[in-house]
N, C-alpha and C. Protein backbone atom coordinates (compact mmCIF):
# COMPACT_ATOMS: atom_id res chain seq x y z
N UNK A 1 0.87 -1.26 0.09
CA UNK A 1 -0.02 -0.03 0.11
C UNK A 1 0.89 1.24 -0.04
N UNK A 2 2.06 1.19 0.71
CA UNK A 2 2.78 2.21 0.66
C UNK A 2 3.63 2.71 -0.73
N UNK A 3 3.75 1.83 -1.40
CA UNK A 3 4.22 2.08 -2.76
C UNK A 3 3.28 2.75 -3.85
N UNK A 4 1.87 2.50 -3.69
CA UNK A 4 1.06 3.02 -4.35
C UNK A 4 1.03 4.56 -4.00
N UNK A 5 1.20 4.92 -2.63
CA UNK A 5 1.01 6.34 -2.36
C UNK A 5 2.49 6.94 -2.82
N UNK A 6 3.42 6.30 -2.89
CA UNK A 6 4.70 6.79 -3.41
C UNK A 6 4.54 7.29 -5.08
N UNK A 7 4.03 6.31 -5.66
CA UNK A 7 3.69 6.48 -7.10
C UNK A 7 2.81 7.71 -7.19
N UNK A 8 1.70 7.69 -6.46
CA UNK A 8 0.77 8.89 -6.60
C UNK A 8 1.43 10.19 -6.33
N UNK A 9 2.06 10.25 -5.22
CA UNK A 9 2.81 11.29 -4.89
C UNK A 9 3.90 11.77 -5.83
N UNK A 10 4.84 11.06 -6.50
CA UNK A 10 5.76 11.23 -7.54
C UNK A 10 5.09 11.73 -8.73
N UNK A 11 3.84 11.02 -9.11
CA UNK A 11 3.14 11.64 -10.31
C UNK A 11 2.63 13.16 -9.94
N UNK A 12 2.14 13.29 -8.95
CA UNK A 12 1.68 14.82 -8.44
C UNK A 12 2.91 15.63 -8.49
N UNK A 13 4.02 15.19 -8.01
CA UNK A 13 5.21 16.15 -8.02
C UNK A 13 5.73 16.48 -9.36
N UNK A 14 5.93 15.33 -10.18
CA UNK A 14 6.27 15.51 -11.48
C UNK A 14 5.56 16.38 -12.36
N UNK A 15 4.18 16.33 -12.18
CA UNK A 15 3.30 16.89 -13.03
C UNK A 15 3.26 18.25 -12.65
N UNK A 16 3.35 18.72 -11.33
CA UNK A 16 3.59 20.14 -10.94
C UNK A 16 4.71 20.68 -11.70
N UNK A 17 6.01 20.12 -11.44
CA UNK A 17 7.23 20.49 -12.12
C UNK A 17 7.05 20.65 -13.39
N UNK A 18 6.39 19.79 -14.35
CA UNK A 18 6.27 19.85 -15.53
C UNK A 18 5.40 20.94 -16.11
N UNK A 19 4.31 21.17 -15.28
CA UNK A 19 3.45 22.56 -15.60
C UNK A 19 4.16 23.74 -15.46
N UNK A 20 4.94 23.75 -14.40
CA UNK A 20 5.80 25.08 -13.92
C UNK A 20 6.71 25.27 -15.05
N UNK A 21 7.41 24.37 -15.37
CA UNK A 21 8.50 24.61 -16.38
C UNK A 21 7.99 24.83 -17.68
N UNK A 22 6.85 24.20 -18.05
CA UNK A 22 6.14 24.64 -19.34
C UNK A 22 5.53 25.96 -19.34
N UNK A 23 5.04 26.45 -18.21
CA UNK A 23 4.34 27.77 -18.35
C UNK A 23 5.65 28.72 -18.40
N UNK A 24 6.70 28.53 -17.75
CA UNK A 24 7.74 29.43 -17.95
C UNK A 24 8.51 29.48 -19.39
N UNK A 25 8.55 28.26 -19.96
CA UNK A 25 9.11 28.48 -21.41
C UNK A 25 7.90 28.88 -22.19
N UNK A 26 6.86 28.49 -22.04
CA UNK A 26 5.78 28.96 -22.96
C UNK A 26 5.45 30.45 -23.05
N UNK A 27 5.65 30.99 -21.79
CA UNK A 27 5.47 32.34 -21.58
C UNK A 27 6.45 33.28 -22.27
N UNK A 28 7.63 32.81 -22.45
CA UNK A 28 8.67 33.51 -23.03
C UNK A 28 8.45 33.39 -24.53
N UNK A 29 7.91 32.28 -25.04
CA UNK A 29 7.57 32.13 -26.61
C UNK A 29 6.27 32.92 -26.79
N UNK A 30 5.33 33.00 -25.97
CA UNK A 30 4.19 33.84 -26.16
C UNK A 30 4.46 35.41 -26.26
N UNK A 31 5.26 35.67 -25.26
CA UNK A 31 5.81 37.08 -25.28
C UNK A 31 6.67 37.52 -26.50
N UNK A 32 7.41 36.72 -26.99
CA UNK A 32 8.09 37.02 -28.24
C UNK A 32 7.04 37.06 -29.39
N UNK A 33 6.15 36.31 -29.52
CA UNK A 33 5.26 36.41 -30.60
C UNK A 33 4.14 37.71 -30.35
N UNK A 34 3.90 38.05 -29.22
CA UNK A 34 3.19 39.26 -29.03
C UNK A 34 4.24 40.31 -29.51
N UNK A 35 5.47 40.48 -29.20
CA UNK A 35 6.31 41.54 -29.58
C UNK A 35 6.52 41.64 -31.03
N UNK A 36 6.51 40.34 -31.79
CA UNK A 36 6.73 40.26 -33.32
C UNK A 36 5.40 40.79 -33.89
N UNK A 37 4.16 40.51 -33.29
CA UNK A 37 2.98 41.08 -33.79
C UNK A 37 2.86 42.48 -33.82
N UNK A 38 3.33 42.93 -32.55
CA UNK A 38 3.33 44.64 -32.50
C UNK A 38 4.13 45.10 -33.44
N UNK A 39 5.26 44.58 -33.63
CA UNK A 39 6.14 45.18 -34.65
C UNK A 39 5.74 45.09 -36.10
N UNK A 40 5.08 44.12 -36.35
CA UNK A 40 4.39 44.04 -37.58
C UNK A 40 3.01 45.03 -37.76
N UNK A 41 2.62 45.20 -36.64
CA UNK A 41 1.39 46.32 -36.74
C UNK A 41 1.82 47.35 -36.93
N UNK A 42 2.86 48.00 -36.22
CA UNK A 42 3.57 49.18 -36.35
C UNK A 42 3.95 49.38 -37.75
N UNK A 43 4.69 48.37 -38.30
CA UNK A 43 5.34 48.65 -39.68
C UNK A 43 4.08 48.89 -40.72
N UNK A 44 3.01 48.18 -40.50
CA UNK A 44 1.79 48.21 -41.44
C UNK A 44 1.26 49.51 -41.17
N UNK A 45 1.16 50.21 -40.14
CA UNK A 45 0.58 51.39 -39.96
C UNK A 45 1.33 52.53 -40.44
N UNK A 46 2.78 52.39 -40.57
CA UNK A 46 3.69 53.21 -41.10
C UNK A 46 3.39 53.31 -42.67
N UNK A 47 3.15 52.30 -43.25
CA UNK A 47 3.04 52.14 -44.57
C UNK A 47 2.14 53.02 -45.18
N UNK A 48 2.15 53.84 -46.32
CA UNK A 48 0.92 54.54 -46.78
C UNK A 48 -0.04 53.61 -47.22
N UNK A 49 -1.41 53.80 -47.28
CA UNK A 49 -2.56 53.07 -47.70
C UNK A 49 -2.28 52.44 -49.22
N UNK A 50 -2.69 51.24 -49.37
CA UNK A 50 -2.65 50.73 -50.67
C UNK A 50 -3.44 51.46 -51.81
N UNK A 51 -3.15 51.63 -52.80
CA UNK A 51 -3.90 52.26 -54.02
C UNK A 51 -3.28 53.70 -54.04
N UNK A 52 -2.73 54.15 -53.27
CA UNK A 52 -2.12 55.50 -53.39
C UNK A 52 -0.69 55.51 -53.68
N UNK A 53 -0.29 56.22 -54.80
CA UNK A 53 0.93 56.29 -55.32
C UNK A 53 1.63 57.60 -55.30
N UNK A 54 2.87 57.55 -54.59
CA UNK A 54 3.49 58.95 -54.42
C UNK A 54 4.85 58.85 -55.32
N UNK A 55 4.81 59.78 -56.23
CA UNK A 55 6.07 59.84 -57.13
C UNK A 55 6.88 60.92 -56.65
N UNK A 56 8.24 60.71 -56.20
CA UNK A 56 9.07 61.67 -55.80
C UNK A 56 9.95 62.17 -56.80
N UNK A 57 10.20 61.49 -58.01
CA UNK A 57 10.90 62.16 -59.09
C UNK A 57 10.52 61.55 -60.45
N UNK A 58 10.25 62.51 -61.22
CA UNK A 58 9.85 62.16 -62.66
C UNK A 58 10.71 62.64 -63.53
N UNK A 59 11.67 61.82 -64.07
CA UNK A 59 12.71 62.26 -64.88
C UNK A 59 12.00 62.70 -66.32
N UNK A 60 12.47 63.81 -67.02
CA UNK A 60 12.15 63.95 -68.46
C UNK A 60 12.36 63.16 -69.26
N UNK A 61 11.56 63.12 -70.49
CA UNK A 61 11.78 62.14 -71.57
C UNK A 61 12.81 62.80 -72.44
N UNK A 62 14.07 61.89 -72.57
CA UNK A 62 14.99 62.34 -73.61
C UNK A 62 14.72 61.78 -74.98
N UNK A 63 15.24 62.53 -76.02
CA UNK A 63 14.75 62.19 -77.44
C UNK A 63 15.67 61.03 -77.90
N UNK A 64 16.79 60.84 -77.22
CA UNK A 64 17.76 59.73 -77.64
C UNK A 64 17.35 58.35 -76.94
N UNK A 65 16.69 58.56 -75.82
CA UNK A 65 16.24 57.29 -75.16
C UNK A 65 14.74 56.88 -75.50
N UNK A 66 14.35 55.98 -76.03
CA UNK A 66 12.88 55.59 -76.16
C UNK A 66 12.81 54.19 -75.59
N UNK A 67 11.71 54.24 -74.65
CA UNK A 67 11.30 52.79 -74.11
C UNK A 67 10.87 51.89 -75.28
N UNK A 68 11.03 50.59 -74.97
CA UNK A 68 10.26 49.68 -76.04
C UNK A 68 8.85 49.96 -75.78
N UNK A 69 8.44 50.19 -74.65
CA UNK A 69 6.89 50.16 -74.58
C UNK A 69 6.22 51.50 -75.51
N UNK A 70 7.09 52.44 -75.83
CA UNK A 70 6.69 53.54 -76.57
C UNK A 70 6.50 52.95 -78.12
N UNK A 71 7.20 52.08 -78.62
CA UNK A 71 7.13 51.64 -79.93
C UNK A 71 6.15 50.59 -80.00
N UNK A 72 5.52 50.14 -79.02
CA UNK A 72 4.42 48.83 -79.07
C UNK A 72 3.30 49.27 -79.79
N UNK A 73 2.75 48.58 -80.81
CA UNK A 73 1.68 48.97 -81.56
C UNK A 73 0.56 48.07 -81.16
N UNK A 74 0.75 47.03 -80.35
CA UNK A 74 -0.39 46.25 -79.90
C UNK A 74 0.09 44.71 -80.07
N UNK A 75 -0.87 43.81 -79.62
CA UNK A 75 -0.41 42.53 -79.37
C UNK A 75 -0.94 41.69 -80.51
N UNK A 76 -0.94 40.43 -80.59
CA UNK A 76 -1.47 39.46 -81.61
C UNK A 76 -3.05 39.26 -81.18
N UNK A 77 -3.84 38.94 -82.00
CA UNK A 77 -5.28 38.59 -81.69
C UNK A 77 -5.24 37.27 -81.55
N UNK A 78 -6.03 36.84 -80.32
CA UNK A 78 -6.16 35.57 -79.95
C UNK A 78 -7.65 35.10 -80.22
N UNK A 79 -7.92 34.03 -80.91
CA UNK A 79 -9.31 33.72 -81.15
C UNK A 79 -9.57 32.75 -79.93
N UNK A 80 -10.88 33.06 -79.54
CA UNK A 80 -11.43 32.16 -78.40
C UNK A 80 -12.71 31.72 -78.59
N UNK A 81 -13.16 30.76 -77.94
CA UNK A 81 -14.53 30.26 -78.01
C UNK A 81 -15.12 30.07 -76.64
N UNK A 82 -16.24 30.66 -76.63
CA UNK A 82 -16.78 30.65 -75.12
C UNK A 82 -17.38 29.42 -74.84
N UNK A 83 -17.18 28.67 -73.89
CA UNK A 83 -17.63 27.36 -73.38
C UNK A 83 -18.85 27.58 -72.49
N UNK A 84 -19.95 26.80 -72.61
CA UNK A 84 -21.10 26.85 -71.74
C UNK A 84 -21.01 25.58 -71.07
N UNK A 85 -21.50 25.64 -69.83
CA UNK A 85 -21.53 24.47 -68.86
C UNK A 85 -22.63 23.58 -69.28
């Protein structure tokens, strides 16, 4: 009968130690995750809202440099057929 008491007592002590250590270790992990989330939130708040474009510098067009997009006349016609379900 004494050995059952020792096993139950050992189980209670080990589970208490395991819970304490787990809370200590997980507390650090959770704290780090919260700090990372706060940094991401601050970074997103500092960004300009999407859809708005700010142009800081617009260089003038030079006659000697022409982009290939300026010479683009259009693409090829692609024939397609509409499928019905």
